[in-house]
Amino acid sequence: MGAPVPVASEKTVDIYRDTWVRFLGYANEVGESFRALVPVGVVWASYAISTAYVTADAVDKGRKAAADHGDGPGKATRVGVAVVDTFIWQALASVAIPGFTINRLCAASLFLLGKTTRWPLPMRKWTTTAIGLSAIPVIITPIDRSVDFLLDSTLRKLYGTEQQHKP
């Protein structure tokens, strides 16, 4: 016996967006926040976790597109669009842009704290980490909306699905 078919009124749970798994996409931002305190290998490992999350979500969306499309013509195109769109959106919104943003914010904070305070280095590093961590919830929505706009204005026009990504 297969899995029960969801009733139209039931909401299908997306494991990559509706459960704790979605927090794996933030691993690189946490890694960047701790960059001043941990070996660089830990930061790179946080990027590996986020990249694995992005890849798994893209594969999942491809599988769902394949299941939704059945065996009709254009199935490969629809699956390809789902995978590519999800991967690019997630790579930008979950890895590249937030990682760069937190990295630069923390680097600037550490530099400015060094120039403007007489705090010992460990205190400056922990303060930088706290600034980076506290910025994560603030940057999420603006970055997501910006990536939606970017893809809707460019890539999605190429394959005719100018619809917003559902975070």
Foldseek 3Di string as FASTA:
>chain_A
DDDDDDDPVDDDDDCCPRHPVVCLLQQLLLLLLLVLPDPVVSNVVSLVSNLVSQQVSLVVQLVVLLVVVDPDPPNVVSSVCSSVVSSVLSCQLRPDPSNVVLNVQLVVQLVVCVVPHPDDNVVSSVVSSVVSVVCVVVVRVVSLVVSLVVCLVPVCVVVVDNDGDDD
